[in-house]
N, C-alpha and C. Protein backbone atom coordinates (compact mmCIF):
# COMPACT_ATOMS: atom_id res chain seq x y z
N MET A 1 84.91 -28.65 -28.94
CA MET A 1 85.20 -27.18 -29.07
C MET A 1 83.75 -26.72 -29.88
N ARG A 2 83.12 -27.52 -30.85
CA ARG A 2 82.08 -27.06 -31.71
C ARG A 2 80.86 -26.92 -30.58
N LEU A 3 80.72 -27.84 -29.61
CA LEU A 3 79.80 -27.63 -28.69
C LEU A 3 79.81 -26.32 -27.70
N SER A 4 81.16 -26.19 -27.43
CA SER A 4 81.22 -24.77 -26.57
C SER A 4 80.60 -23.46 -27.50
N SER A 5 81.00 -23.85 -28.78
CA SER A 5 80.83 -22.57 -29.46
C SER A 5 79.31 -22.44 -29.75
N CYS A 6 78.71 -23.60 -29.89
CA CYS A 6 77.29 -23.56 -29.98
C CYS A 6 76.68 -22.95 -28.87
N LEU A 7 77.00 -23.40 -27.65
CA LEU A 7 76.30 -23.05 -26.36
C LEU A 7 76.58 -21.57 -26.04
N THR A 8 77.73 -21.02 -26.56
CA THR A 8 78.23 -19.54 -26.56
C THR A 8 77.09 -18.85 -27.27
N VAL A 9 77.05 -19.17 -28.32
CA VAL A 9 76.09 -18.52 -29.33
C VAL A 9 74.67 -18.32 -28.87
N ALA A 10 74.28 -19.58 -28.25
CA ALA A 10 73.03 -19.83 -27.77
C ALA A 10 72.55 -18.74 -26.67
N CYS A 11 73.75 -18.68 -25.58
CA CYS A 11 73.78 -18.00 -24.62
C CYS A 11 73.65 -16.45 -25.06
N VAL A 12 74.26 -15.96 -25.84
CA VAL A 12 74.12 -14.84 -26.20
C VAL A 12 72.93 -14.28 -27.13
N MET A 13 72.48 -15.29 -27.80
CA MET A 13 71.02 -14.95 -28.49
C MET A 13 70.18 -14.96 -27.32
N CYS A 14 70.06 -15.71 -26.24
CA CYS A 14 68.95 -15.48 -25.22
C CYS A 14 69.15 -14.31 -24.75
N LEU A 15 70.35 -13.79 -24.31
CA LEU A 15 70.28 -12.40 -23.45
C LEU A 15 70.02 -11.35 -24.37
N ALA A 16 70.37 -11.51 -25.66
CA ALA A 16 69.74 -10.37 -26.54
C ALA A 16 68.43 -10.63 -26.70
N LEU A 17 67.77 -11.55 -26.65
CA LEU A 17 66.27 -11.59 -26.85
C LEU A 17 65.79 -11.00 -25.73
N SER A 18 66.18 -11.44 -24.34
CA SER A 18 65.52 -11.05 -23.20
C SER A 18 65.72 -9.59 -23.12
N ALA A 19 66.73 -9.02 -23.29
CA ALA A 19 67.05 -7.38 -23.42
C ALA A 19 66.46 -6.73 -24.26
N SER A 20 65.72 -7.22 -25.37
CA SER A 20 64.81 -6.73 -26.32
C SER A 20 63.59 -6.75 -26.00
N ALA A 21 63.19 -7.63 -25.20
CA ALA A 21 61.72 -7.88 -25.00
C ALA A 21 61.23 -6.84 -23.93
N HIS A 22 62.15 -6.09 -23.08
CA HIS A 22 61.81 -4.95 -22.04
C HIS A 22 61.11 -3.79 -23.12
N HIS A 23 59.97 -3.43 -22.46
CA HIS A 23 59.23 -2.30 -23.40
C HIS A 23 59.93 -0.82 -23.08
N SER A 24 59.66 -0.10 -23.77
CA SER A 24 59.95 1.34 -23.56
C SER A 24 58.95 2.00 -22.70
N HIS A 25 59.19 3.48 -22.46
CA HIS A 25 58.16 3.97 -21.24
C HIS A 25 57.72 5.25 -22.52
N GLY A 26 57.74 4.90 -23.77
CA GLY A 26 57.00 5.88 -25.01
C GLY A 26 55.79 6.13 -24.73
N GLN A 27 54.84 5.21 -23.88
CA GLN A 27 53.43 5.42 -23.94
C GLN A 27 53.06 6.71 -22.82
N TYR A 28 54.26 6.94 -22.12
CA TYR A 28 54.19 8.18 -21.05
C TYR A 28 54.50 9.65 -21.74
N GLU A 29 53.74 10.41 -21.07
CA GLU A 29 54.36 11.93 -21.32
C GLU A 29 55.62 12.24 -20.87
N GLU A 30 56.37 13.31 -21.30
CA GLU A 30 57.47 13.33 -20.70
C GLU A 30 57.25 14.63 -19.47
N THR A 31 56.22 15.25 -19.55
CA THR A 31 55.94 16.12 -18.40
C THR A 31 55.43 15.21 -17.25
N PHE A 32 55.44 16.17 -16.11
CA PHE A 32 54.80 15.47 -14.78
C PHE A 32 53.65 16.11 -14.67
N ARG A 33 52.82 15.23 -13.53
CA ARG A 33 51.71 15.65 -13.17
C ARG A 33 51.40 15.13 -11.80
N ASP A 34 51.01 16.08 -10.81
CA ASP A 34 50.93 15.67 -9.47
C ASP A 34 49.33 15.16 -9.12
N ILE A 35 49.20 14.16 -8.64
CA ILE A 35 47.90 13.56 -8.19
C ILE A 35 47.87 13.24 -6.63
N GLU A 36 46.84 13.39 -6.13
CA GLU A 36 46.70 12.62 -4.89
C GLU A 36 45.37 11.88 -4.48
N GLY A 37 45.62 10.79 -3.79
CA GLY A 37 44.44 9.87 -3.44
C GLY A 37 44.65 9.07 -2.45
N VAL A 38 43.79 7.91 -2.48
CA VAL A 38 43.94 7.00 -1.20
C VAL A 38 44.25 5.53 -1.84
N VAL A 39 45.40 5.01 -1.13
CA VAL A 39 45.86 3.72 -1.67
C VAL A 39 44.81 2.72 -1.51
N LYS A 40 44.65 2.06 -2.73
CA LYS A 40 43.79 0.71 -2.78
C LYS A 40 44.43 -0.34 -2.79
N GLU A 41 45.72 -0.52 -3.70
CA GLU A 41 46.38 -1.69 -3.55
C GLU A 41 47.79 -1.34 -3.97
N LEU A 42 48.73 -2.12 -3.41
CA LEU A 42 50.03 -2.37 -3.60
C LEU A 42 50.65 -3.63 -4.30
N HIS A 43 51.41 -3.86 -5.26
CA HIS A 43 51.81 -4.91 -5.81
C HIS A 43 53.35 -4.40 -6.07
N LEU A 44 54.17 -5.38 -5.20
CA LEU A 44 55.50 -5.08 -5.26
C LEU A 44 56.02 -6.42 -6.14
N LEU A 45 56.35 -6.11 -7.40
CA LEU A 45 56.76 -7.12 -8.36
C LEU A 45 57.84 -6.78 -9.06
N THR A 46 58.31 -7.76 -9.94
CA THR A 46 59.56 -7.60 -10.80
C THR A 46 58.95 -8.07 -12.34
N PRO A 47 59.20 -7.30 -13.34
CA PRO A 47 60.01 -6.12 -13.58
C PRO A 47 59.57 -4.85 -13.05
N HIS A 48 58.04 -4.73 -13.03
CA HIS A 48 57.58 -3.42 -12.57
C HIS A 48 56.66 -3.60 -11.45
N SER A 49 56.76 -2.75 -10.44
CA SER A 49 55.73 -2.71 -9.38
C SER A 49 54.57 -1.90 -9.63
N TRP A 50 53.33 -1.95 -9.16
CA TRP A 50 52.04 -1.07 -9.47
C TRP A 50 51.67 -0.71 -8.09
N LEU A 51 51.11 0.52 -8.07
CA LEU A 51 50.51 0.93 -6.95
C LEU A 51 49.07 1.61 -7.71
N TYR A 52 47.94 1.43 -6.97
CA TYR A 52 46.73 1.56 -7.38
C TYR A 52 46.12 2.55 -6.27
N ILE A 53 45.78 3.97 -6.74
CA ILE A 53 45.29 4.96 -5.85
C ILE A 53 43.85 5.29 -6.49
N GLU A 54 42.81 5.75 -5.63
CA GLU A 54 41.71 6.38 -6.05
C GLU A 54 41.76 7.83 -5.72
N VAL A 55 41.78 8.45 -6.80
CA VAL A 55 41.79 9.93 -7.13
C VAL A 55 40.34 10.29 -7.47
N LYS A 56 40.05 11.68 -6.91
CA LYS A 56 38.77 12.10 -7.42
C LYS A 56 39.20 13.36 -8.37
N ASP A 57 38.25 13.30 -9.30
CA ASP A 57 38.27 14.26 -10.46
C ASP A 57 37.85 15.56 -10.01
N ALA A 58 37.76 16.51 -10.94
CA ALA A 58 37.49 17.73 -10.69
C ALA A 58 35.72 17.88 -10.40
N ALA A 59 35.10 16.99 -10.74
CA ALA A 59 33.79 16.80 -10.55
C ALA A 59 33.30 15.90 -9.04
N GLY A 60 34.52 15.53 -8.57
CA GLY A 60 34.43 14.60 -7.33
C GLY A 60 34.09 13.34 -7.31
N THR A 61 34.11 12.74 -8.88
CA THR A 61 34.09 11.43 -8.81
C THR A 61 35.41 10.75 -8.51
N ALA A 62 35.27 9.38 -7.93
CA ALA A 62 36.52 8.78 -7.43
C ALA A 62 36.82 7.86 -8.97
N GLN A 63 38.00 7.60 -9.21
CA GLN A 63 38.60 6.83 -10.21
C GLN A 63 39.78 6.36 -9.68
N VAL A 64 39.93 5.29 -10.17
CA VAL A 64 41.17 4.37 -9.74
C VAL A 64 42.38 4.72 -10.80
N TRP A 65 43.63 5.16 -10.31
CA TRP A 65 44.82 5.08 -11.21
C TRP A 65 45.71 4.24 -10.90
N ALA A 66 46.40 3.62 -12.22
CA ALA A 66 47.29 2.56 -12.03
C ALA A 66 48.59 3.53 -12.27
N LEU A 67 49.63 3.21 -11.19
CA LEU A 67 50.81 3.85 -10.92
C LEU A 67 51.89 2.82 -11.47
N GLU A 68 52.87 2.89 -12.29
CA GLU A 68 53.69 1.93 -12.51
C GLU A 68 55.05 2.29 -12.10
N ALA A 69 55.86 1.63 -11.24
CA ALA A 69 57.19 1.81 -10.55
C ALA A 69 58.15 0.81 -10.87
N THR A 70 59.33 1.13 -10.15
CA THR A 70 60.59 0.18 -10.64
C THR A 70 60.21 -1.21 -9.85
N THR A 71 61.16 -1.82 -9.92
CA THR A 71 61.27 -3.46 -9.36
C THR A 71 61.00 -3.54 -7.86
N ARG A 72 60.70 -4.42 -7.49
CA ARG A 72 60.38 -4.79 -6.05
C ARG A 72 61.73 -4.50 -5.27
N GLY A 73 62.69 -5.07 -5.87
CA GLY A 73 64.06 -5.32 -5.19
C GLY A 73 64.52 -3.70 -5.20
N GLN A 74 64.39 -3.05 -5.99
CA GLN A 74 65.02 -1.55 -5.99
C GLN A 74 64.02 -0.53 -4.98
N LEU A 75 62.88 -0.95 -4.78
CA LEU A 75 61.87 -0.48 -3.88
C LEU A 75 62.30 -0.70 -2.55
N GLU A 76 62.64 -2.13 -2.32
CA GLU A 76 62.77 -2.55 -0.78
C GLU A 76 64.17 -1.82 -0.53
N LYS A 77 65.16 -1.67 -1.42
CA LYS A 77 66.26 -1.26 -0.97
C LYS A 77 66.25 0.26 -0.47
N MET A 78 65.32 0.97 -0.92
CA MET A 78 65.01 2.38 -0.35
C MET A 78 64.07 2.51 0.74
N GLY A 79 63.60 1.16 1.21
CA GLY A 79 62.57 0.94 2.49
C GLY A 79 61.09 1.06 2.11
N VAL A 80 60.85 0.77 0.84
CA VAL A 80 59.41 0.62 0.33
C VAL A 80 58.95 -0.85 0.65
N THR A 81 58.33 -1.06 1.59
CA THR A 81 57.64 -2.43 1.83
C THR A 81 56.05 -2.15 1.96
N ARG A 82 55.52 -3.23 2.27
CA ARG A 82 53.84 -3.60 2.15
C ARG A 82 53.49 -2.56 3.52
N GLU A 83 54.29 -2.51 4.40
CA GLU A 83 54.10 -1.67 5.54
C GLU A 83 54.27 -0.01 5.34
N TYR A 84 55.01 0.22 4.59
CA TYR A 84 55.49 1.56 4.21
C TYR A 84 54.26 2.36 3.47
N VAL A 85 53.54 1.57 2.64
CA VAL A 85 52.32 2.11 1.79
C VAL A 85 51.33 1.01 2.04
N LYS A 86 50.22 1.44 2.59
CA LYS A 86 49.00 0.39 2.81
C LYS A 86 47.73 1.05 2.42
N ALA A 87 46.90 -0.04 2.29
CA ALA A 87 45.41 0.42 1.53
C ALA A 87 45.16 1.34 2.61
N GLY A 88 44.54 2.33 2.19
CA GLY A 88 43.63 3.30 3.14
C GLY A 88 44.67 4.59 3.35
N ASP A 89 45.98 4.59 2.94
CA ASP A 89 46.83 5.55 3.29
C ASP A 89 46.62 6.69 2.20
N ARG A 90 46.51 8.02 2.58
CA ARG A 90 46.70 9.13 1.73
C ARG A 90 48.08 9.56 1.13
N VAL A 91 48.17 9.49 -0.15
CA VAL A 91 49.40 9.91 -0.56
C VAL A 91 49.23 10.92 -1.83
N LYS A 92 50.53 11.53 -2.18
CA LYS A 92 50.57 12.52 -3.23
C LYS A 92 51.60 11.68 -4.08
N ALA A 93 51.35 11.83 -5.57
CA ALA A 93 52.18 11.23 -6.49
C ALA A 93 52.60 12.41 -7.59
N ARG A 94 54.09 12.20 -7.95
CA ARG A 94 54.39 12.98 -9.13
C ARG A 94 55.04 12.02 -10.28
N CYS A 95 54.17 11.95 -11.26
CA CYS A 95 54.13 11.08 -11.92
C CYS A 95 54.03 11.46 -13.65
N HIS A 96 54.50 10.53 -14.62
CA HIS A 96 54.14 10.97 -16.10
C HIS A 96 52.62 10.30 -16.45
N PRO A 97 52.06 11.03 -16.83
CA PRO A 97 50.67 10.42 -17.35
C PRO A 97 50.78 9.77 -18.65
N LEU A 98 49.95 8.88 -18.71
CA LEU A 98 49.77 8.07 -20.12
C LEU A 98 49.55 9.28 -21.11
N ARG A 99 50.00 8.96 -22.24
CA ARG A 99 49.49 9.75 -23.78
C ARG A 99 47.99 9.67 -24.00
N ASP A 100 47.68 8.64 -23.73
CA ASP A 100 46.03 8.48 -24.15
C ASP A 100 45.19 8.77 -23.35
N ARG A 101 45.74 9.59 -22.36
CA ARG A 101 44.93 10.23 -21.03
C ARG A 101 44.04 9.32 -20.24
N THR A 102 44.12 7.85 -20.25
CA THR A 102 43.80 7.14 -19.51
C THR A 102 44.42 7.11 -18.02
N ASN A 103 43.70 6.58 -17.15
CA ASN A 103 43.95 6.87 -15.59
C ASN A 103 45.08 5.92 -15.28
N GLY A 104 46.37 6.30 -15.61
CA GLY A 104 47.84 5.77 -15.33
C GLY A 104 48.78 6.47 -15.73
N CYS A 105 50.16 6.25 -14.68
CA CYS A 105 51.16 7.28 -14.58
C CYS A 105 52.32 6.13 -14.49
N LEU A 106 53.53 6.55 -15.09
CA LEU A 106 54.56 6.21 -14.48
C LEU A 106 55.24 7.12 -13.53
N LEU A 107 55.22 6.26 -12.38
CA LEU A 107 55.50 7.07 -10.99
C LEU A 107 56.78 7.45 -10.88
N GLY A 108 57.11 8.87 -10.53
CA GLY A 108 58.41 9.32 -10.37
C GLY A 108 58.48 9.24 -8.70
N PHE A 109 57.98 10.47 -8.18
CA PHE A 109 58.11 10.58 -6.60
C PHE A 109 56.60 10.19 -5.82
N LEU A 110 56.68 10.06 -4.65
CA LEU A 110 55.63 9.54 -3.95
C LEU A 110 55.75 9.87 -2.59
N LYS A 111 55.07 10.82 -2.08
CA LYS A 111 54.65 11.26 -0.65
C LYS A 111 53.75 10.43 0.13
N ALA A 112 54.59 9.57 1.01
CA ALA A 112 53.84 8.53 1.62
C ALA A 112 52.99 9.62 3.15
N GLY A 113 52.11 8.58 3.71
CA GLY A 113 51.22 9.16 4.80
C GLY A 113 52.08 9.81 5.98
N ASP A 114 53.23 9.24 5.99
CA ASP A 114 54.17 9.85 6.97
C ASP A 114 55.07 11.18 6.69
N GLY A 115 54.69 11.68 5.39
CA GLY A 115 55.36 12.85 4.73
C GLY A 115 56.64 12.61 4.22
N SER A 116 57.17 11.31 4.04
CA SER A 116 58.51 10.91 3.26
C SER A 116 58.05 10.76 1.95
N VAL A 117 59.19 11.48 1.13
CA VAL A 117 59.22 11.33 -0.19
C VAL A 117 60.34 10.59 -0.82
N LYS A 118 59.91 9.44 -1.87
CA LYS A 118 60.87 8.66 -2.17
C LYS A 118 60.74 8.55 -3.95
N ASP A 119 61.69 8.64 -4.43
CA ASP A 119 61.86 8.27 -6.18
C ASP A 119 61.43 6.78 -6.55
N TRP A 120 60.24 6.43 -6.82
CA TRP A 120 59.67 5.23 -7.43
C TRP A 120 60.00 4.93 -8.54
N ASP A 121 60.80 5.48 -9.09
CA ASP A 121 61.21 5.18 -10.64
C ASP A 121 62.52 4.61 -10.58
N GLY A 122 63.17 4.40 -9.36
CA GLY A 122 64.42 3.71 -9.09
C GLY A 122 65.76 4.44 -9.39
N GLY A 123 65.63 5.78 -9.47
CA GLY A 123 66.82 6.58 -9.85
C GLY A 123 67.37 7.04 -8.57
N ASN A 124 66.89 6.81 -7.32
CA ASN A 124 67.37 7.37 -6.27
C ASN A 124 67.37 8.96 -6.42
N ALA A 125 66.63 9.73 -7.01
CA ALA A 125 66.78 11.20 -6.99
C ALA A 125 66.21 11.95 -6.00
N PRO A 126 66.99 13.17 -5.67
CA PRO A 126 66.43 13.78 -4.50
C PRO A 126 64.95 14.31 -4.82
N ALA A 127 64.47 14.37 -3.49
CA ALA A 127 62.86 14.87 -3.59
C ALA A 127 62.70 16.12 -4.14
N PRO A 128 61.80 16.55 -4.98
CA PRO A 128 61.95 18.18 -5.48
C PRO A 128 61.31 18.84 -4.29
N LYS A 129 61.60 19.97 -4.28
CA LYS A 129 61.48 20.87 -3.18
C LYS A 129 59.99 21.51 -3.24
N ASP A 130 59.46 21.47 -4.23
CA ASP A 130 57.91 21.94 -4.28
C ASP A 130 57.03 20.89 -4.45
N PHE A 131 57.07 19.84 -3.75
CA PHE A 131 56.43 18.82 -3.67
C PHE A 131 55.96 18.42 -2.28
C-alpha cells in the first residue's frame, strides 16, 4: 500500500513538472504582421515546428526569419508535410512578431505556393478573408 502511494505521488509530481516546463508565448506581440518570403528550411518537430524564410526588408536586404509553429503531429493532421512546403517556395505568413523586434514570429496563418492557407498555430481557425 505504501509503495503504490509513493508511486502515485511520484507520477503526479512528474506530470506537474513537465506541464510547468512548457513556456508561454509572452515574447510575442499580440498584434499580427504579414511577411512574405522564400522558404529556406522546414523542421517538423515536437513540441514546436520551425519554418525559416528569407524576407527582404524595405532596403531590399535579405534577412532570415524564424517562424515558430505548432507540433509536427498537429501540422500533419491538417496536411502539412515536407512536400507541402519546400525550400525555394514563395510563401506569405501572418504571424505575431517578437517583442524585441528580432526576425522571428509565432506563426498564425501561412499561404503556401499553391495558394492554400492553413492555421499553423494549431487552432484550425478559418483563414482570414484579407489574407
